[in-house]
Amino acid sequence: MYSILAMVDGDKPFGVVVNGLAHACVGMGAQLKQSNTPLRVVRCSQQQLRDSRESARSQGLMLVDFTQTMTGDTYVEQLQRTKASASEELEYYAVLVAGQAEQVAALAPTSNLSAEGVTL
């Protein structure tokens, strides 16, 4: 079974998180091309977002993220800012990962921030 895990920065204001999550979901939906996939949303720290993102990337899982460089100005300027930033400088607002349910579930942080996770 396929599953999607959406991890959002638990320290950011609601509007920032929802904006990042919405953009990442559109990107993921364009790649996934199916709508019956469970989606779990969890709050994370920046470090948890980075660690889970890196683990997903190294496993070759489908991955979409949204960072602070992707806000403001035009799309072209956002893309230039993102490309010019070192990965350790990026502040992640949302990271979405899709893959086999077991692999995706293993990426979910286990700290108390993720206790507010909800499956949609």
N, C-alpha and C. Protein backbone atom coordinates (compact mmCIF):
# COMPACT_ATOMS: atom_id res chain seq x y z
N MET A 1 0.83 -1.19 0.00
CA MET A 1 0.00 0.00 0.00
C MET A 1 0.88 1.25 0.00
N TYR A 2 0.48 2.23 -0.77
CA TYR A 2 1.19 3.50 -0.87
C TYR A 2 0.69 4.44 0.21
N SER A 3 1.56 5.32 0.70
CA SER A 3 1.20 6.27 1.74
C SER A 3 1.99 7.56 1.55
N ILE A 4 1.47 8.66 2.07
CA ILE A 4 2.16 9.95 2.03
C ILE A 4 2.31 10.45 3.45
N LEU A 5 3.49 10.92 3.78
CA LEU A 5 3.75 11.55 5.07
C LEU A 5 4.07 13.01 4.80
N ALA A 6 3.31 13.92 5.41
CA ALA A 6 3.55 15.35 5.31
C ALA A 6 4.10 15.83 6.64
N MET A 7 5.30 16.37 6.63
CA MET A 7 5.94 16.86 7.84
C MET A 7 6.04 18.37 7.73
N VAL A 8 5.56 19.08 8.75
CA VAL A 8 5.56 20.54 8.72
C VAL A 8 6.28 21.08 9.94
N ASP A 9 6.84 22.27 9.82
CA ASP A 9 7.58 22.90 10.90
C ASP A 9 6.61 23.28 12.01
N GLY A 10 6.76 22.65 13.16
CA GLY A 10 5.88 22.89 14.29
C GLY A 10 6.05 24.24 14.94
N ASP A 11 7.11 24.96 14.61
CA ASP A 11 7.37 26.27 15.21
C ASP A 11 6.87 27.43 14.37
N LYS A 12 6.41 27.16 13.17
CA LYS A 12 5.97 28.24 12.28
C LYS A 12 4.50 28.56 12.50
N PRO A 13 4.08 29.79 12.18
CA PRO A 13 2.67 30.16 12.27
C PRO A 13 1.82 29.31 11.33
N PHE A 14 0.56 29.16 11.69
CA PHE A 14 -0.37 28.31 10.93
C PHE A 14 -0.39 28.66 9.45
N GLY A 15 -0.50 29.95 9.11
CA GLY A 15 -0.57 30.36 7.71
C GLY A 15 0.65 29.97 6.91
N VAL A 16 1.82 30.09 7.49
CA VAL A 16 3.07 29.73 6.82
C VAL A 16 3.09 28.22 6.55
N VAL A 17 2.69 27.45 7.56
CA VAL A 17 2.68 25.98 7.42
C VAL A 17 1.67 25.55 6.36
N VAL A 18 0.47 26.11 6.40
CA VAL A 18 -0.56 25.73 5.43
C VAL A 18 -0.14 26.11 4.01
N ASN A 19 0.48 27.27 3.84
CA ASN A 19 0.97 27.68 2.53
C ASN A 19 2.01 26.68 2.02
N GLY A 20 2.98 26.35 2.84
CA GLY A 20 4.01 25.39 2.44
C GLY A 20 3.42 24.02 2.14
N LEU A 21 2.50 23.58 2.98
CA LEU A 21 1.87 22.27 2.80
C LEU A 21 1.05 22.24 1.51
N ALA A 22 0.31 23.30 1.24
CA ALA A 22 -0.50 23.35 0.01
C ALA A 22 0.38 23.28 -1.23
N HIS A 23 1.45 24.06 -1.26
CA HIS A 23 2.35 24.03 -2.42
C HIS A 23 2.97 22.64 -2.59
N ALA A 24 3.42 22.05 -1.49
CA ALA A 24 4.03 20.72 -1.59
C ALA A 24 3.02 19.67 -2.02
N CYS A 25 1.78 19.76 -1.55
CA CYS A 25 0.75 18.80 -1.95
C CYS A 25 0.44 18.89 -3.44
N VAL A 26 0.40 20.10 -3.98
CA VAL A 26 0.18 20.26 -5.43
C VAL A 26 1.32 19.59 -6.19
N GLY A 27 2.55 19.82 -5.75
CA GLY A 27 3.70 19.19 -6.40
C GLY A 27 3.67 17.67 -6.30
N MET A 28 3.31 17.16 -5.14
CA MET A 28 3.23 15.72 -4.95
C MET A 28 2.10 15.13 -5.78
N GLY A 29 0.95 15.79 -5.79
CA GLY A 29 -0.19 15.30 -6.56
C GLY A 29 0.11 15.19 -8.04
N ALA A 30 0.87 16.13 -8.56
CA ALA A 30 1.24 16.10 -9.97
C ALA A 30 2.11 14.89 -10.28
N GLN A 31 2.91 14.46 -9.32
CA GLN A 31 3.77 13.30 -9.53
C GLN A 31 3.04 11.99 -9.28
N LEU A 32 2.17 11.98 -8.28
CA LEU A 32 1.54 10.74 -7.82
C LEU A 32 0.43 10.25 -8.73
N LYS A 33 -0.41 11.16 -9.22
CA LYS A 33 -1.49 10.86 -10.16
C LYS A 33 -2.51 9.85 -9.61
N GLN A 34 -2.77 9.90 -8.31
CA GLN A 34 -3.83 9.10 -7.73
C GLN A 34 -4.32 9.81 -6.48
N SER A 35 -5.58 9.61 -6.14
CA SER A 35 -6.14 10.37 -5.03
C SER A 35 -6.56 9.51 -3.85
N ASN A 36 -6.38 8.22 -3.91
CA ASN A 36 -6.83 7.36 -2.82
C ASN A 36 -5.68 6.97 -1.88
N THR A 37 -4.66 7.80 -1.80
CA THR A 37 -3.50 7.52 -0.98
C THR A 37 -3.66 8.18 0.39
N PRO A 38 -3.51 7.43 1.48
CA PRO A 38 -3.60 8.04 2.81
C PRO A 38 -2.52 9.11 2.99
N LEU A 39 -2.88 10.18 3.69
CA LEU A 39 -1.97 11.29 3.95
C LEU A 39 -1.93 11.53 5.45
N ARG A 40 -0.76 11.43 6.05
CA ARG A 40 -0.59 11.70 7.47
C ARG A 40 0.21 13.00 7.61
N VAL A 41 -0.27 13.91 8.45
CA VAL A 41 0.39 15.19 8.66
C VAL A 41 0.92 15.24 10.09
N VAL A 42 2.22 15.54 10.25
CA VAL A 42 2.82 15.64 11.58
C VAL A 42 3.63 16.92 11.69
N ARG A 43 3.68 17.45 12.91
CA ARG A 43 4.51 18.63 13.20
C ARG A 43 5.90 18.15 13.57
N CYS A 44 6.92 18.88 13.12
CA CYS A 44 8.31 18.49 13.33
C CYS A 44 9.17 19.70 13.65
N SER A 45 10.35 19.43 14.17
CA SER A 45 11.37 20.47 14.30
C SER A 45 12.13 20.57 12.98
N GLN A 46 12.91 21.63 12.81
CA GLN A 46 13.73 21.77 11.60
C GLN A 46 14.66 20.57 11.45
N GLN A 47 15.26 20.13 12.54
CA GLN A 47 16.19 19.00 12.45
C GLN A 47 15.48 17.73 12.02
N GLN A 48 14.27 17.50 12.55
CA GLN A 48 13.50 16.32 12.13
C GLN A 48 13.14 16.41 10.66
N LEU A 49 12.78 17.60 10.19
CA LEU A 49 12.48 17.78 8.76
C LEU A 49 13.70 17.44 7.92
N ARG A 50 14.85 17.96 8.32
CA ARG A 50 16.10 17.71 7.57
C ARG A 50 16.46 16.23 7.57
N ASP A 51 16.41 15.61 8.74
CA ASP A 51 16.79 14.20 8.86
C ASP A 51 15.86 13.30 8.06
N SER A 52 14.54 13.53 8.19
CA SER A 52 13.58 12.70 7.45
C SER A 52 13.70 12.93 5.95
N ARG A 53 13.92 14.17 5.54
CA ARG A 53 14.09 14.48 4.13
C ARG A 53 15.31 13.76 3.56
N GLU A 54 16.40 13.83 4.28
CA GLU A 54 17.63 13.17 3.82
C GLU A 54 17.45 11.66 3.74
N SER A 55 16.80 11.09 4.74
CA SER A 55 16.56 9.64 4.73
C SER A 55 15.68 9.24 3.55
N ALA A 56 14.64 10.01 3.29
CA ALA A 56 13.76 9.72 2.16
C ALA A 56 14.53 9.82 0.84
N ARG A 57 15.35 10.86 0.72
CA ARG A 57 16.15 11.05 -0.50
C ARG A 57 17.09 9.88 -0.72
N SER A 58 17.76 9.45 0.35
CA SER A 58 18.73 8.36 0.23
C SER A 58 18.06 7.02 -0.10
N GLN A 59 16.77 6.88 0.25
CA GLN A 59 16.03 5.66 -0.06
C GLN A 59 15.36 5.72 -1.43
N GLY A 60 15.47 6.87 -2.10
CA GLY A 60 14.88 7.02 -3.42
C GLY A 60 13.36 7.17 -3.40
N LEU A 61 12.81 7.62 -2.26
CA LEU A 61 11.37 7.82 -2.17
C LEU A 61 10.96 9.12 -2.86
N MET A 62 9.72 9.19 -3.31
CA MET A 62 9.21 10.41 -3.91
C MET A 62 9.20 11.49 -2.85
N LEU A 63 9.72 12.67 -3.19
CA LEU A 63 9.95 13.72 -2.21
C LEU A 63 9.64 15.08 -2.80
N VAL A 64 8.89 15.90 -2.06
CA VAL A 64 8.62 17.28 -2.43
C VAL A 64 8.80 18.11 -1.17
N ASP A 65 9.49 19.24 -1.27
CA ASP A 65 9.63 20.10 -0.10
C ASP A 65 9.32 21.55 -0.47
N PHE A 66 9.12 22.36 0.57
CA PHE A 66 8.84 23.78 0.39
C PHE A 66 9.64 24.53 1.44
N THR A 67 10.46 25.49 0.99
CA THR A 67 11.36 26.20 1.89
C THR A 67 11.08 27.69 1.91
N GLN A 68 11.74 28.39 2.83
CA GLN A 68 11.56 29.84 2.95
C GLN A 68 11.98 30.57 1.70
N THR A 69 12.88 30.01 0.91
CA THR A 69 13.34 30.66 -0.32
C THR A 69 12.27 30.66 -1.40
N MET A 70 11.19 29.89 -1.18
CA MET A 70 10.12 29.76 -2.17
C MET A 70 8.95 30.70 -1.89
N THR A 71 9.19 31.74 -1.09
CA THR A 71 8.13 32.70 -0.79
C THR A 71 8.55 34.09 -1.24
N GLY A 72 7.57 34.94 -1.53
CA GLY A 72 7.84 36.31 -1.94
C GLY A 72 8.36 36.41 -3.36
N ASP A 73 8.33 37.60 -3.89
CA ASP A 73 8.85 37.90 -5.23
C ASP A 73 8.18 37.02 -6.29
N THR A 74 8.88 36.80 -7.39
CA THR A 74 8.33 36.00 -8.48
C THR A 74 8.88 34.57 -8.43
N TYR A 75 8.26 33.69 -9.21
CA TYR A 75 8.71 32.31 -9.29
C TYR A 75 10.18 32.24 -9.71
N VAL A 76 10.57 33.06 -10.67
CA VAL A 76 11.95 33.06 -11.16
C VAL A 76 12.91 33.43 -10.04
N GLU A 77 12.58 34.47 -9.29
CA GLU A 77 13.44 34.89 -8.18
C GLU A 77 13.47 33.83 -7.07
N GLN A 78 12.34 33.20 -6.82
CA GLN A 78 12.30 32.12 -5.82
C GLN A 78 13.21 30.97 -6.22
N LEU A 79 13.14 30.61 -7.49
CA LEU A 79 13.97 29.51 -8.00
C LEU A 79 15.45 29.87 -7.91
N GLN A 80 15.79 31.09 -8.27
CA GLN A 80 17.19 31.54 -8.18
C GLN A 80 17.69 31.50 -6.73
N ARG A 81 16.87 32.00 -5.80
CA ARG A 81 17.25 31.99 -4.38
C ARG A 81 17.46 30.57 -3.87
N THR A 82 16.55 29.68 -4.26
CA THR A 82 16.64 28.29 -3.79
C THR A 82 17.90 27.63 -4.34
N LYS A 83 18.16 27.81 -5.62
CA LYS A 83 19.35 27.21 -6.23
C LYS A 83 20.64 27.79 -5.65
N ALA A 84 20.62 29.05 -5.25
CA ALA A 84 21.82 29.71 -4.73
C ALA A 84 22.08 29.38 -3.26
N SER A 85 21.12 28.76 -2.60
CA SER A 85 21.25 28.46 -1.17
C SER A 85 21.83 27.07 -0.95
N ALA A 86 22.79 26.99 -0.03
CA ALA A 86 23.30 25.68 0.37
C ALA A 86 22.20 24.96 1.14
N SER A 87 22.16 23.63 1.06
CA SER A 87 21.07 22.89 1.70
C SER A 87 20.99 23.16 3.20
N GLU A 88 22.13 23.38 3.85
CA GLU A 88 22.10 23.63 5.30
C GLU A 88 21.54 25.02 5.63
N GLU A 89 21.43 25.89 4.63
CA GLU A 89 20.86 27.23 4.84
C GLU A 89 19.34 27.24 4.67
N LEU A 90 18.80 26.21 4.03
CA LEU A 90 17.37 26.19 3.76
C LEU A 90 16.57 25.93 5.03
N GLU A 91 15.48 26.66 5.17
CA GLU A 91 14.55 26.46 6.27
C GLU A 91 13.30 25.81 5.68
N TYR A 92 13.03 24.57 6.07
CA TYR A 92 11.92 23.82 5.50
C TYR A 92 10.61 24.17 6.20
N TYR A 93 9.59 24.49 5.41
CA TYR A 93 8.24 24.72 5.94
C TYR A 93 7.44 23.42 5.88
N ALA A 94 7.66 22.63 4.83
CA ALA A 94 6.94 21.37 4.66
C ALA A 94 7.79 20.41 3.83
N VAL A 95 7.71 19.13 4.18
CA VAL A 95 8.37 18.07 3.43
C VAL A 95 7.33 16.95 3.27
N LEU A 96 7.07 16.54 2.03
CA LEU A 96 6.16 15.44 1.76
C LEU A 96 6.95 14.28 1.17
N VAL A 97 6.64 13.09 1.65
CA VAL A 97 7.29 11.88 1.18
C VAL A 97 6.22 10.86 0.83
N ALA A 98 6.36 10.19 -0.31
CA ALA A 98 5.43 9.15 -0.71
C ALA A 98 6.20 7.88 -1.02
N GLY A 99 5.59 6.77 -0.70
CA GLY A 99 6.21 5.48 -0.97
C GLY A 99 5.42 4.38 -0.30
N GLN A 100 6.02 3.20 -0.23
CA GLN A 100 5.36 2.10 0.45
C GLN A 100 5.11 2.49 1.91
N ALA A 101 3.94 2.13 2.41
CA ALA A 101 3.50 2.58 3.73
C ALA A 101 4.53 2.31 4.82
N GLU A 102 5.18 1.16 4.78
CA GLU A 102 6.15 0.81 5.82
C GLU A 102 7.36 1.74 5.79
N GLN A 103 7.86 2.03 4.59
CA GLN A 103 9.01 2.93 4.46
C GLN A 103 8.66 4.34 4.92
N VAL A 104 7.49 4.80 4.51
CA VAL A 104 7.08 6.16 4.84
C VAL A 104 6.83 6.29 6.34
N ALA A 105 6.17 5.31 6.94
CA ALA A 105 5.88 5.35 8.37
C ALA A 105 7.16 5.41 9.20
N ALA A 106 8.21 4.76 8.72
CA ALA A 106 9.48 4.74 9.45
C ALA A 106 10.14 6.12 9.49
N LEU A 107 9.74 7.02 8.60
CA LEU A 107 10.32 8.36 8.56
C LEU A 107 9.66 9.32 9.53
N ALA A 108 8.48 8.98 10.03
CA ALA A 108 7.75 9.88 10.91
C ALA A 108 8.52 10.06 12.21
N PRO A 109 8.75 11.30 12.61
CA PRO A 109 9.45 11.56 13.87
C PRO A 109 8.69 10.96 15.05
N THR A 110 9.42 10.59 16.08
CA THR A 110 8.79 9.97 17.24
C THR A 110 8.76 10.89 18.46
N SER A 111 9.14 12.15 18.27
CA SER A 111 9.13 13.09 19.40
C SER A 111 7.72 13.51 19.74
N ASN A 112 7.58 14.27 20.80
CA ASN A 112 6.27 14.72 21.21
C ASN A 112 5.63 15.69 20.23
N LEU A 113 6.40 16.34 19.36
CA LEU A 113 5.80 17.21 18.35
C LEU A 113 4.91 16.42 17.41
N SER A 114 5.31 15.17 17.11
CA SER A 114 4.54 14.38 16.15
C SER A 114 3.29 13.78 16.77
N ALA A 115 3.11 13.93 18.07
CA ALA A 115 1.93 13.36 18.71
C ALA A 115 0.64 13.99 18.19
N GLU A 116 0.73 15.16 17.57
CA GLU A 116 -0.44 15.82 17.03
C GLU A 116 -0.71 15.41 15.59
N GLY A 117 -0.05 14.36 15.12
CA GLY A 117 -0.26 13.92 13.75
C GLY A 117 -1.69 13.48 13.51
N VAL A 118 -2.16 13.66 12.30
CA VAL A 118 -3.51 13.27 11.93
C VAL A 118 -3.46 12.63 10.55
N THR A 119 -4.24 11.57 10.36
CA THR A 119 -4.30 10.92 9.06
C THR A 119 -5.56 11.37 8.36
N LEU A 120 -5.41 11.81 7.10
CA LEU A 120 -6.54 12.30 6.31
C LEU A 120 -6.91 11.26 5.27
